[in-house]
Amino acid sequence: MSKKIVFSQGAPEPVGAYSHGIIVNGLFFSAGQIGIDPKTNRLVEGSIEDEARRVFLNIGELLKAAGTDYDNLVKTTLYITDMKNFTAVDNVYREFVKNDFPGRTCVEVSGLPKGAAIEAEVVAVVE
C-alpha cells in the first residue's frame, strides 16, 4: 500500500491533530474543511453561501496540493447545522463541481468546530 500525507499552504491550518488529507493507492481523502479564511485564520462572516464558498475554495486548495481537482471527485460528504440551508449549499457546490456529479451525502449535525454552519470532505482520484 502506498500512502502520502498532503498539506496545502493555501488552506487553513488544521484545528486539531490531523493532516489536510492523505493519498492512499491513488485516492485522495481530505480532512473536513470549514469556512476558515487561511489569510485571517478566522471563520468567514456573512451568509451560508459565503461560508460554503470558502469551504469549497479550501477544498480546491487541498485537491491542488494532492495533484487532482474537482473533476476527479468520487465522493463528497457535507455536514450542515440546518437542513434549511441545503439548497443554498447545493447551489454553491454546483459552482465548483460542474461535470459529472460524484456520490454525495449531506447530513444535519448539531454542531461543528468553531461554530461553523457547514463542513465538507471529499474523496478524489489522483491521476
Protein backbone atom coordinates (compact mmCIF):
# COMPACT_ATOMS: atom_id res chain seq x y z
CA MET A 1 0.00 0.00 0.00
CA SER A 2 1.32 3.43 -0.90
CA LYS A 3 0.33 6.49 1.08
CA LYS A 4 1.32 10.14 1.17
CA ILE A 5 0.30 12.86 3.63
CA VAL A 6 -0.95 16.08 1.99
CA PHE A 7 -0.65 19.63 3.34
CA SER A 8 -1.52 22.80 1.44
CA GLN A 9 -0.05 26.24 2.08
CA GLY A 10 -3.22 27.71 0.52
CA ALA A 11 -5.63 26.17 3.03
CA PRO A 12 -6.12 26.99 6.72
CA GLU A 13 -4.00 25.17 9.25
CA PRO A 14 -5.77 22.13 10.73
CA VAL A 15 -7.52 22.94 14.01
CA GLY A 16 -6.53 19.59 15.53
CA ALA A 17 -4.11 16.69 15.25
CA TYR A 18 -4.64 15.75 11.61
CA SER A 19 -3.30 16.45 8.13
CA HIS A 20 -5.17 18.17 5.33
CA GLY A 21 -5.53 14.78 3.72
CA ILE A 22 -3.88 11.59 2.60
CA ILE A 23 -3.39 9.83 -0.71
CA VAL A 24 -3.74 6.06 -0.50
CA ASN A 25 -3.39 3.87 -3.58
CA GLY A 26 -4.35 6.66 -5.98
CA LEU A 27 -7.25 8.08 -3.95
CA PHE A 28 -7.13 11.38 -2.06
CA PHE A 29 -9.12 11.55 1.19
CA SER A 30 -9.44 15.09 2.53
CA ALA A 31 -9.90 16.17 6.08
CA GLY A 32 -13.10 18.09 6.76
CA GLN A 33 -12.95 21.76 5.85
CA ILE A 34 -14.91 24.56 7.43
CA GLY A 35 -15.12 28.13 6.16
CA ILE A 36 -11.91 29.43 7.70
CA ASP A 37 -10.14 32.08 5.65
CA PRO A 38 -6.48 30.98 5.50
CA LYS A 39 -5.31 34.62 5.49
CA THR A 40 -7.03 35.54 8.77
CA ASN A 41 -7.41 32.06 10.33
CA ARG A 42 -10.99 33.06 11.20
CA LEU A 43 -14.36 31.76 10.11
CA VAL A 44 -15.71 33.96 7.31
CA GLU A 45 -18.63 36.18 8.18
CA GLY A 46 -21.76 36.62 6.11
CA SER A 47 -24.28 34.27 4.60
CA ILE A 48 -24.29 30.48 4.40
CA GLU A 49 -23.28 30.95 0.75
CA ASP A 50 -20.20 32.93 1.82
CA GLU A 51 -19.22 30.23 4.28
CA ALA A 52 -19.87 27.39 1.80
CA ARG A 53 -17.87 29.17 -0.91
CA ARG A 54 -14.89 29.44 1.46
CA VAL A 55 -15.24 25.73 2.31
CA PHE A 56 -15.06 24.78 -1.37
CA LEU A 57 -12.19 27.18 -2.05
CA ASN A 58 -10.30 25.48 0.78
CA ILE A 59 -11.09 22.05 -0.62
CA GLY A 60 -9.88 23.23 -4.03
CA GLU A 61 -6.53 24.08 -2.44
CA LEU A 62 -6.32 20.60 -0.91
CA LEU A 63 -7.18 18.97 -4.23
CA LYS A 64 -4.48 21.04 -5.95
CA ALA A 65 -1.89 20.05 -3.33
CA ALA A 66 -2.83 16.41 -3.87
CA GLY A 67 -2.37 16.74 -7.64
CA THR A 68 -6.03 16.46 -8.56
CA ASP A 69 -9.10 18.68 -8.96
CA TYR A 70 -12.88 18.84 -8.72
CA ASP A 71 -13.29 16.90 -11.99
CA ASN A 72 -11.85 13.83 -10.25
CA LEU A 73 -14.18 13.73 -7.23
CA VAL A 74 -15.80 10.40 -6.49
CA LYS A 75 -17.45 11.22 -3.13
CA THR A 76 -18.40 14.32 -1.18
CA THR A 77 -19.76 14.43 2.35
CA LEU A 78 -21.46 17.58 3.61
CA TYR A 79 -22.28 18.33 7.23
CA ILE A 80 -24.63 21.27 7.81
CA THR A 81 -26.16 22.57 11.03
CA ASP A 82 -29.52 23.41 9.45
CA MET A 83 -31.09 21.37 6.64
CA LYS A 84 -32.94 24.53 5.59
CA ASN A 85 -29.59 25.61 4.11
CA PHE A 86 -29.40 22.57 1.80
CA THR A 87 -30.46 24.40 -1.39
CA ALA A 88 -28.12 27.34 -0.78
CA VAL A 89 -25.19 25.00 -0.13
CA ASP A 90 -26.11 22.89 -3.16
CA ASN A 91 -26.08 25.98 -5.38
CA VAL A 92 -22.58 26.93 -4.21
CA TYR A 93 -21.44 23.31 -4.62
CA ARG A 94 -22.52 23.49 -8.28
CA GLU A 95 -20.18 26.47 -8.79
CA PHE A 96 -17.25 24.16 -8.07
CA VAL A 97 -18.47 20.75 -9.24
CA LYS A 98 -19.53 21.31 -12.84
CA ASN A 99 -19.11 17.97 -14.57
CA ASP A 100 -20.32 14.51 -13.60
CA PHE A 101 -21.55 14.74 -10.07
CA PRO A 102 -19.88 12.35 -7.64
CA GLY A 103 -21.71 10.44 -4.96
CA ARG A 104 -22.68 12.76 -2.14
CA THR A 105 -24.06 12.58 1.36
CA CYS A 106 -25.47 15.52 3.31
CA VAL A 107 -26.36 15.24 6.98
CA GLU A 108 -27.59 17.72 9.54
CA VAL A 109 -25.44 17.88 12.66
CA SER A 110 -25.91 19.62 16.00
CA GLY A 111 -22.60 21.46 15.89
CA LEU A 112 -19.33 21.93 14.03
CA PRO A 113 -15.89 23.25 15.02
CA LYS A 114 -15.61 26.99 15.69
CA GLY A 115 -19.39 27.42 15.29
CA ALA A 116 -19.30 26.72 11.55
CA ALA A 117 -22.56 26.13 9.69
CA ILE A 118 -21.02 23.77 7.10
CA GLU A 119 -18.16 21.30 6.85
CA ALA A 120 -17.25 19.20 3.84
CA GLU A 121 -14.83 16.41 2.98
CA VAL A 122 -14.07 14.75 -0.33
CA VAL A 123 -12.54 11.69 -1.95
CA ALA A 124 -10.91 12.14 -5.35
CA VAL A 125 -8.92 10.08 -7.83
CA VAL A 126 -5.29 11.18 -8.20
CA GLU A 127 -4.10 10.56 -11.73
